[in-house]
N, C-alpha and C. Protein backbone atom coordinates (compact mmCIF):
# COMPACT_ATOMS: atom_id res chain seq x y z
N MET A 1 144.58 -12.34 75.80
CA MET A 1 143.71 -13.19 76.13
C MET A 1 142.80 -14.19 74.65
N PRO A 2 141.78 -14.70 74.81
CA PRO A 2 142.16 -15.82 73.29
C PRO A 2 140.39 -15.10 73.32
N ILE A 3 140.26 -14.56 72.27
CA ILE A 3 139.10 -13.88 71.24
C ILE A 3 138.34 -15.53 70.86
N SER A 4 136.71 -15.56 71.10
CA SER A 4 135.92 -16.19 70.59
C SER A 4 136.35 -16.55 69.22
N PRO A 5 135.19 -17.07 68.98
CA PRO A 5 135.17 -17.19 67.33
C PRO A 5 134.11 -15.73 66.75
N TYR A 6 132.79 -16.28 67.95
CA TYR A 6 131.79 -15.06 67.20
C TYR A 6 133.00 -13.33 67.20
N ILE A 7 133.21 -13.26 68.29
CA ILE A 7 134.22 -11.80 68.73
C ILE A 7 134.79 -11.64 67.34
N GLN A 8 135.60 -12.71 66.97
CA GLN A 8 136.35 -12.64 65.94
C GLN A 8 135.61 -12.26 64.83
N GLY A 9 134.32 -12.77 64.12
CA GLY A 9 133.41 -12.69 63.21
C GLY A 9 132.72 -11.38 63.43
N LEU A 10 132.38 -10.51 64.56
CA LEU A 10 131.91 -9.70 64.85
C LEU A 10 133.70 -8.53 64.01
N ARG A 11 134.43 -9.00 64.80
CA ARG A 11 135.56 -7.68 63.77
C ARG A 11 136.13 -7.93 63.09
N ALA A 12 135.10 -9.37 61.98
CA ALA A 12 135.38 -9.05 60.94
C ALA A 12 135.20 -7.90 59.99
N GLU A 13 133.90 -8.02 60.90
CA GLU A 13 133.15 -6.78 59.94
C GLU A 13 132.93 -5.53 60.70
N VAL A 14 133.73 -5.20 62.06
CA VAL A 14 133.64 -4.04 62.56
C VAL A 14 135.27 -3.74 62.90
N GLY A 15 135.43 -3.66 63.26
CA GLY A 15 137.46 -3.70 62.63
C GLY A 15 137.60 -3.73 64.18
N HIS A 16 138.15 -2.59 64.60
CA HIS A 16 138.80 -1.95 65.89
C HIS A 16 137.29 -1.24 66.75
N GLY A 17 136.33 -1.19 65.38
CA GLY A 17 134.99 -0.36 66.35
C GLY A 17 134.25 -0.66 67.49
N LEU A 18 134.06 0.38 68.91
CA LEU A 18 133.59 -0.14 70.00
C LEU A 18 131.75 -1.79 69.71
N LEU A 19 132.74 -2.01 70.01
CA LEU A 19 131.67 -3.85 70.41
C LEU A 19 131.09 -3.58 71.73
N LEU A 20 130.17 -3.89 72.22
CA LEU A 20 128.99 -4.09 73.88
C LEU A 20 129.61 -5.66 74.26
N LEU A 21 129.95 -5.54 74.95
CA LEU A 21 130.01 -6.63 75.33
C LEU A 21 129.38 -8.01 76.68
N PRO A 22 128.23 -8.36 76.97
CA PRO A 22 127.67 -8.75 78.04
C PRO A 22 129.13 -9.93 78.61
N SER A 23 128.87 -9.51 79.40
CA SER A 23 130.11 -10.22 80.68
C SER A 23 129.99 -10.45 81.41
N VAL A 24 129.86 -11.59 82.63
CA VAL A 24 130.15 -12.31 83.96
C VAL A 24 131.22 -11.96 84.71
N THR A 25 130.82 -11.87 86.11
CA THR A 25 132.41 -11.77 87.07
C THR A 25 131.55 -12.31 88.42
N GLY A 26 132.56 -13.22 88.67
CA GLY A 26 132.64 -13.77 89.77
C GLY A 26 133.34 -13.50 91.44
N VAL A 27 132.45 -13.64 92.42
CA VAL A 27 133.00 -13.02 93.34
C VAL A 27 132.71 -14.30 94.47
N VAL A 28 133.87 -14.80 94.40
CA VAL A 28 133.73 -17.32 94.81
C VAL A 28 134.38 -16.82 96.37
N PHE A 29 133.46 -17.30 96.68
CA PHE A 29 134.16 -17.75 98.18
C PHE A 29 134.00 -19.17 98.85
N ASP A 30 135.05 -19.62 99.35
CA ASP A 30 134.96 -20.72 99.95
C ASP A 30 134.73 -21.36 101.10
N ASP A 31 134.61 -22.20 101.78
CA ASP A 31 133.58 -22.24 103.01
C ASP A 31 134.71 -21.95 104.53
N ALA A 32 135.58 -21.54 104.01
CA ALA A 32 136.01 -20.36 105.04
C ALA A 32 136.15 -19.16 104.83
N GLY A 33 135.09 -18.54 104.02
CA GLY A 33 135.36 -17.29 103.99
C GLY A 33 136.36 -16.37 102.86
N ARG A 34 137.00 -17.73 102.82
CA ARG A 34 138.04 -16.36 101.73
C ARG A 34 137.68 -16.45 100.03
N LEU A 35 138.33 -15.72 99.43
CA LEU A 35 137.73 -15.32 98.17
C LEU A 35 138.99 -15.86 96.99
N LEU A 36 138.51 -16.05 95.73
CA LEU A 36 138.86 -16.60 94.87
C LEU A 36 139.63 -15.26 94.08
N LEU A 37 140.51 -15.58 93.71
CA LEU A 37 141.61 -14.19 93.01
C LEU A 37 142.33 -14.74 91.62
N GLY A 38 142.51 -13.95 90.79
CA GLY A 38 143.81 -14.74 89.37
C GLY A 38 144.21 -13.91 89.26
N GLU A 39 145.98 -13.56 88.84
CA GLU A 39 146.24 -13.10 88.82
C GLU A 39 146.55 -13.33 87.09
N ARG A 40 146.13 -11.98 86.49
CA ARG A 40 145.86 -12.01 84.86
C ARG A 40 147.15 -11.84 83.79
N SER A 41 147.40 -13.02 83.07
CA SER A 41 148.36 -13.00 82.40
C SER A 41 148.23 -11.37 81.51
N ASP A 42 147.30 -10.90 80.71
CA ASP A 42 147.55 -9.87 80.20
C ASP A 42 147.88 -8.52 80.80
N ASN A 43 147.86 -8.41 81.81
CA ASN A 43 148.59 -7.41 82.69
C ASN A 43 149.22 -7.70 84.26
N GLY A 44 149.21 -8.79 85.13
CA GLY A 44 149.87 -8.78 86.14
C GLY A 44 149.41 -8.22 87.46
N GLU A 45 147.93 -8.19 87.11
CA GLU A 45 146.82 -7.24 88.67
C GLU A 45 146.25 -8.43 88.95
N TRP A 46 145.77 -8.48 89.98
CA TRP A 46 145.11 -9.94 90.29
C TRP A 46 143.72 -9.04 90.88
N ALA A 47 142.29 -9.99 89.92
CA ALA A 47 141.49 -9.67 90.29
C ALA A 47 140.01 -10.91 90.01
N LEU A 48 139.15 -10.35 90.31
CA LEU A 48 137.84 -11.50 90.31
C LEU A 48 137.56 -12.56 88.81
N ILE A 49 136.99 -13.29 88.65
CA ILE A 49 137.24 -13.86 87.57
C ILE A 49 135.81 -13.60 86.68
N ALA A 50 136.58 -13.27 85.26
CA ALA A 50 135.40 -12.37 84.38
C ALA A 50 135.32 -13.30 82.69
N GLY A 51 134.71 -12.74 82.97
CA GLY A 51 135.04 -13.26 81.09
C GLY A 51 133.51 -12.38 80.33
N VAL A 52 133.04 -13.62 78.78
CA VAL A 52 132.27 -13.04 77.73
C VAL A 52 131.29 -13.72 78.04
N MET A 53 130.23 -13.70 77.90
CA MET A 53 129.18 -14.53 77.29
C MET A 53 129.37 -14.89 75.92
N ASP A 54 129.35 -16.77 75.80
CA ASP A 54 128.98 -16.84 74.90
C ASP A 54 127.38 -16.77 74.19
N PRO A 55 126.85 -16.90 73.10
CA PRO A 55 125.81 -16.76 72.20
C PRO A 55 125.14 -17.83 72.64
N GLY A 56 123.81 -17.07 73.00
CA GLY A 56 123.11 -18.32 73.73
C GLY A 56 123.15 -19.33 74.99
N GLU A 57 124.12 -18.75 75.91
CA GLU A 57 124.44 -18.59 76.95
C GLU A 57 123.83 -18.38 77.98
N GLN A 58 123.12 -18.72 79.04
CA GLN A 58 122.33 -17.80 80.27
C GLN A 58 123.75 -17.30 81.60
N PRO A 59 123.71 -16.28 82.46
CA PRO A 59 124.80 -15.79 82.79
C PRO A 59 125.16 -16.28 83.80
N ALA A 60 124.57 -17.13 84.26
CA ALA A 60 124.84 -18.26 85.41
C ALA A 60 125.97 -19.45 84.52
N GLU A 61 125.15 -19.38 83.73
CA GLU A 61 126.47 -20.48 83.34
C GLU A 61 127.13 -20.66 82.94
N ALA A 62 127.60 -19.04 82.57
CA ALA A 62 128.89 -18.38 81.84
C ALA A 62 129.67 -18.43 83.08
N ILE A 63 128.89 -18.03 84.16
CA ILE A 63 129.84 -17.97 85.49
C ILE A 63 130.08 -19.36 85.62
N VAL A 64 129.54 -20.14 85.66
CA VAL A 64 129.87 -21.57 86.04
C VAL A 64 131.09 -21.69 84.90
N ARG A 65 131.10 -21.79 83.53
CA ARG A 65 131.99 -22.28 83.14
C ARG A 65 133.39 -21.29 83.51
N GLU A 66 133.41 -19.52 83.71
CA GLU A 66 134.35 -19.01 83.72
C GLU A 66 135.40 -19.47 84.45
N VAL A 67 134.89 -19.50 85.60
CA VAL A 67 136.02 -19.65 86.93
C VAL A 67 136.19 -20.80 86.83
N TYR A 68 135.30 -21.90 86.24
CA TYR A 68 136.22 -23.12 86.44
C TYR A 68 137.79 -23.54 85.06
N GLU A 69 137.39 -22.81 83.82
CA GLU A 69 137.88 -22.52 83.03
C GLU A 69 139.38 -22.35 83.47
N GLU A 70 139.15 -21.24 84.10
CA GLU A 70 140.32 -20.69 84.44
C GLU A 70 141.14 -20.34 85.88
N THR A 71 140.14 -21.48 86.62
CA THR A 71 140.58 -21.58 88.06
C THR A 71 140.93 -23.44 88.38
N ALA A 72 140.02 -24.06 87.39
CA ALA A 72 139.71 -24.93 87.98
C ALA A 72 138.75 -25.87 89.01
N VAL A 73 137.59 -24.27 89.43
CA VAL A 73 136.80 -24.99 90.64
C VAL A 73 135.92 -24.18 90.60
N HIS A 74 135.14 -25.63 91.10
CA HIS A 74 133.47 -25.32 90.32
C HIS A 74 132.46 -24.20 91.14
N VAL A 75 131.34 -24.37 90.99
CA VAL A 75 131.00 -23.39 91.86
C VAL A 75 129.24 -23.00 91.51
N THR A 76 128.85 -22.80 91.96
CA THR A 76 127.15 -22.38 93.01
C THR A 76 126.83 -21.19 92.73
N PRO A 77 126.66 -20.31 91.59
CA PRO A 77 125.95 -19.04 91.51
C PRO A 77 124.65 -19.11 92.63
N GLU A 78 125.10 -18.29 94.05
CA GLU A 78 124.25 -17.98 94.76
C GLU A 78 122.91 -16.34 94.60
N ARG A 79 123.48 -15.72 94.20
CA ARG A 79 122.94 -14.33 93.47
C ARG A 79 123.08 -13.91 93.14
N ILE A 80 123.15 -12.52 92.27
CA ILE A 80 123.33 -11.44 91.70
C ILE A 80 123.80 -10.70 92.31
N THR A 81 124.99 -10.11 92.43
CA THR A 81 125.44 -8.98 93.48
C THR A 81 125.22 -7.14 92.85
N SER A 82 126.15 -7.23 91.11
CA SER A 82 125.83 -6.30 91.01
C SER A 82 125.47 -6.08 89.37
N VAL A 83 124.39 -5.00 88.56
CA VAL A 83 124.70 -5.51 87.09
C VAL A 83 125.03 -4.23 87.13
N LEU A 84 126.57 -3.73 86.10
CA LEU A 84 126.73 -2.60 85.95
C LEU A 84 127.25 -2.31 84.37
N THR A 85 127.38 -1.48 84.00
CA THR A 85 127.83 -0.88 81.97
C THR A 85 129.33 -0.21 82.74
N GLN A 86 130.68 -0.48 82.17
CA GLN A 86 131.89 -0.80 82.42
C GLN A 86 131.67 0.53 81.67
N PRO A 87 132.88 1.64 82.11
CA PRO A 87 133.41 2.65 80.84
C PRO A 87 134.59 2.02 79.66
N ALA A 88 134.07 2.19 78.36
CA ALA A 88 135.02 1.91 77.00
C ALA A 88 135.88 1.86 77.46
N THR A 89 136.77 1.30 76.86
CA THR A 89 138.57 0.52 76.83
C THR A 89 138.85 0.26 75.45
N THR A 90 139.99 0.63 75.31
CA THR A 90 140.58 0.41 73.96
C THR A 90 142.14 -0.71 74.67
N LEU A 91 141.49 -1.87 73.93
CA LEU A 91 142.30 -3.16 73.88
C LEU A 91 144.09 -2.57 73.77
N PRO A 92 145.19 -3.69 74.55
CA PRO A 92 145.88 -3.37 73.58
C PRO A 92 146.24 -3.18 71.90
N ASN A 93 145.41 -3.97 71.69
CA ASN A 93 145.41 -4.35 70.03
C ASN A 93 144.46 -3.20 69.14
N GLY A 94 143.92 -2.44 70.07
CA GLY A 94 143.23 -1.21 69.48
C GLY A 94 141.98 -1.48 69.47
N ASP A 95 141.55 -2.97 69.22
CA ASP A 95 140.24 -2.59 69.06
C ASP A 95 138.98 -2.59 71.09
N GLN A 96 138.14 -2.20 70.58
CA GLN A 96 137.11 -0.97 71.19
C GLN A 96 136.03 -1.25 72.09
N VAL A 97 136.14 -1.61 73.34
CA VAL A 97 135.02 -2.49 74.20
C VAL A 97 134.60 -1.97 75.17
N GLN A 98 133.38 -1.94 75.57
CA GLN A 98 132.85 -1.72 76.65
C GLN A 98 131.57 -3.17 77.34
N TYR A 99 132.27 -3.13 78.54
CA TYR A 99 131.39 -4.49 79.11
C TYR A 99 130.29 -4.22 79.81
N VAL A 100 129.36 -4.88 79.63
CA VAL A 100 127.79 -4.95 80.68
C VAL A 100 127.64 -5.91 81.13
N ASN A 101 127.71 -5.87 82.36
CA ASN A 101 129.05 -6.67 83.30
C ASN A 101 127.49 -7.18 84.54
N ILE A 102 126.84 -8.57 84.44
CA ILE A 102 126.53 -8.62 85.86
C ILE A 102 127.41 -10.30 86.91
N THR A 103 127.73 -9.22 87.97
CA THR A 103 128.02 -9.87 88.89
C THR A 103 127.50 -11.17 89.76
N PHE A 104 128.42 -12.54 90.13
CA PHE A 104 127.44 -12.65 90.58
C PHE A 104 128.15 -13.43 91.85
N ARG A 105 127.64 -13.42 93.11
CA ARG A 105 128.20 -14.14 94.55
C ARG A 105 127.88 -15.33 94.24
N CYS A 106 129.24 -16.63 94.48
CA CYS A 106 129.43 -17.97 93.98
C CYS A 106 129.96 -18.50 95.25
N ARG A 107 129.61 -19.37 95.63
CA ARG A 107 130.36 -20.89 96.53
C ARG A 107 130.83 -21.71 96.33
N ALA A 108 131.81 -21.57 96.02
CA ALA A 108 132.51 -22.92 95.62
C ALA A 108 132.17 -24.25 96.31
N VAL A 109 132.22 -25.82 95.26
CA VAL A 109 131.39 -27.01 95.67
C VAL A 109 132.71 -27.31 95.66
N GLY A 110 134.12 -27.74 94.64
CA GLY A 110 134.03 -28.46 94.29
C GLY A 110 135.61 -27.89 93.13
N GLY A 111 136.69 -29.50 93.25
CA GLY A 111 138.03 -28.59 92.23
C GLY A 111 138.91 -28.29 93.67
N GLU A 112 139.90 -27.92 93.27
CA GLU A 112 141.36 -27.38 93.62
C GLU A 112 141.62 -25.59 92.79
N ALA A 113 141.71 -24.90 93.01
CA ALA A 113 142.22 -23.37 93.04
C ALA A 113 143.80 -23.92 92.02
N ARG A 114 144.00 -23.85 90.74
CA ARG A 114 144.71 -23.56 90.02
C ARG A 114 145.03 -23.11 89.05
N VAL A 115 145.81 -22.52 88.15
CA VAL A 115 146.36 -22.24 86.43
C VAL A 115 145.41 -23.04 85.74
N ASN A 116 143.82 -23.17 85.40
CA ASN A 116 143.99 -23.60 84.12
C ASN A 116 144.04 -23.33 82.94
N ASP A 117 143.96 -21.82 82.43
CA ASP A 117 144.07 -21.49 81.01
C ASP A 117 145.23 -21.13 80.98
N ASP A 118 145.53 -19.88 80.02
CA ASP A 118 146.66 -19.69 79.95
C ASP A 118 146.34 -17.26 80.31
N GLU A 119 145.35 -17.56 81.15
CA GLU A 119 144.70 -16.18 81.60
C GLU A 119 144.86 -15.78 82.79
N SER A 120 145.82 -16.93 83.96
CA SER A 120 146.53 -16.48 84.71
C SER A 120 147.92 -16.84 84.67
N LEU A 121 148.43 -15.77 85.35
CA LEU A 121 149.86 -16.41 86.22
C LEU A 121 149.54 -17.50 87.27
N ALA A 122 148.68 -16.90 87.97
CA ALA A 122 148.32 -17.74 89.50
C ALA A 122 147.19 -17.41 89.79
N VAL A 123 146.91 -18.67 90.94
CA VAL A 123 145.14 -18.76 90.86
C VAL A 123 145.26 -18.42 93.05
N GLY A 124 144.58 -17.33 93.26
CA GLY A 124 145.19 -18.03 95.31
C GLY A 124 143.33 -17.42 95.64
N TRP A 125 143.25 -17.88 96.96
CA TRP A 125 141.97 -17.78 97.86
C TRP A 125 143.24 -16.96 98.64
N PHE A 126 142.29 -15.70 99.45
CA PHE A 126 142.66 -14.68 99.89
C PHE A 126 141.63 -13.91 101.45
N SER A 127 142.32 -13.68 102.04
CA SER A 127 141.22 -14.08 103.12
C SER A 127 140.55 -12.23 103.11
N LEU A 128 139.33 -12.02 103.38
CA LEU A 128 139.08 -10.37 103.07
C LEU A 128 140.17 -9.22 103.24
N ASP A 129 140.54 -10.09 104.16
CA ASP A 129 141.40 -8.25 105.53
C ASP A 129 142.98 -8.71 104.91
N ASP A 130 142.95 -9.47 103.81
CA ASP A 130 144.50 -10.01 103.44
C ASP A 130 144.12 -10.31 102.06
N LEU A 131 143.99 -8.82 100.88
CA LEU A 131 143.69 -9.15 99.76
C LEU A 131 145.38 -8.36 99.26
N PRO A 132 145.63 -8.80 97.79
CA PRO A 132 146.81 -8.39 97.53
C PRO A 132 145.83 -7.10 96.56
N PRO A 133 147.11 -6.09 96.30
CA PRO A 133 146.44 -4.91 95.26
C PRO A 133 145.57 -5.22 94.81
N ILE A 134 143.99 -4.28 94.51
CA ILE A 134 143.24 -4.68 93.29
C ILE A 134 142.52 -3.64 93.18
N ARG A 135 141.84 -3.26 91.62
CA ARG A 135 141.23 -2.15 91.76
C ARG A 135 140.28 -2.02 92.29
N ASP A 136 139.66 -0.65 92.18
CA ASP A 136 138.69 0.28 92.92
C ASP A 136 136.83 -0.68 92.76
N LEU A 137 137.36 -0.96 91.16
CA LEU A 137 135.79 -1.65 90.83
C LEU A 137 135.69 -3.20 91.40
N GLU A 138 137.17 -4.19 91.01
CA GLU A 138 136.97 -5.26 92.22
C GLU A 138 136.51 -5.29 93.23
N ARG A 139 136.96 -3.66 94.04
CA ARG A 139 136.68 -3.77 95.40
C ARG A 139 134.92 -3.70 94.86
N HIS A 140 134.41 -2.52 94.60
CA HIS A 140 133.37 -2.59 94.49
C HIS A 140 132.73 -3.32 94.28
N ARG A 141 132.75 -4.79 93.76
CA ARG A 141 132.13 -5.98 93.78
C ARG A 141 132.32 -6.80 94.86
N ILE A 142 132.90 -7.00 95.51
CA ILE A 142 133.53 -7.46 96.69
C ILE A 142 132.77 -6.85 97.33
N GLU A 143 132.34 -5.58 97.61
CA GLU A 143 130.61 -4.67 98.99
C GLU A 143 130.23 -5.18 98.48
N CYS A 144 129.63 -5.07 96.78
CA CYS A 144 128.25 -5.42 96.68
C CYS A 144 127.87 -6.63 97.24
N ALA A 145 129.04 -7.62 96.65
CA ALA A 145 128.96 -9.17 97.39
C ALA A 145 128.51 -9.45 99.02
N LEU A 146 128.93 -8.59 99.65
CA LEU A 146 129.17 -8.95 100.75
C LEU A 146 127.42 -7.98 101.85
N ALA A 147 127.41 -7.60 101.02
CA ALA A 147 125.87 -6.24 101.31
C ALA A 147 124.83 -7.06 100.94
N PRO A 148 123.84 -7.18 101.19
CA PRO A 148 122.57 -7.42 100.37
C PRO A 148 122.00 -6.85 99.69
N GLY A 149 121.15 -7.44 98.99
CA GLY A 149 120.44 -6.45 97.62
C GLY A 149 121.37 -6.88 96.17
N THR A 150 121.07 -5.90 94.94
CA THR A 150 121.57 -5.63 94.51
C THR A 150 121.65 -4.48 93.84
N TRP A 151 122.92 -4.23 93.90
CA TRP A 151 123.60 -2.55 93.13
C TRP A 151 123.38 -2.38 92.04
N PHE A 152 122.44 -1.71 91.81
CA PHE A 152 122.68 -1.16 90.08
C PHE A 152 122.51 0.82 89.43
N ALA A 153 123.39 1.42 88.98
CA ALA A 153 123.18 2.51 88.58
C ALA A 153 121.91 3.06 88.20
N ASP A 154 122.05 3.67 89.58
CA ASP A 154 120.33 4.98 89.66
C ASP A 154 120.67 5.80 88.18
N PRO A 155 118.75 5.44 87.42
CA PRO A 155 118.79 5.47 86.30
C PRO A 155 118.96 7.11 86.17
N ALA A 156 118.88 7.69 85.10
CA ALA A 156 119.29 9.46 85.68
C ALA A 156 117.26 10.10 85.10
N PRO A 157 117.46 10.40 85.66
CA PRO A 157 115.37 10.95 85.28
C PRO A 157 114.63 11.42 84.19
N GLN A 158 114.00 10.94 83.66
CA GLN A 158 113.73 11.58 82.53
C GLN A 158 113.23 12.45 82.17
N ARG A 159 112.83 13.03 81.26
CA ARG A 159 112.58 14.40 80.99
C ARG A 159 110.72 13.98 80.49
N ARG A 160 110.61 15.06 80.99
CA ARG A 160 108.64 14.83 80.47
C ARG A 160 108.04 15.81 79.19
């Protein structure tokens, strides 16, 4: 996956140390109710479209940009469906990251789904009852997009 100049600069300072990164994910539906997924080039898994925000970028702008960059589909964000901090992970190059993610339910408003960059091997629309294998976190995000309201982890009780 390409790395932004901003993160490259941070990595020059912290090496492989843990970076907390703001990210966005899109649960994108078309008019037929199908879901947009991309087959990731880094691990071959099907996933929702997601990416890291750029400095100064609003979250809704970031998901519009990410979906278009990866799939050539234009979207309108409809609402925030979940906010969560993912577990810290180590990337294949040794970099440690932890994503704070805002997931949006989006509606496709134009474009034609296709691989539009080097982050995907394939892109496609899927009915909800015929999804390819996806991770539990992806399923959770889809469930949140189908439910009313916004999901977030309950805060730990505060000690007094």
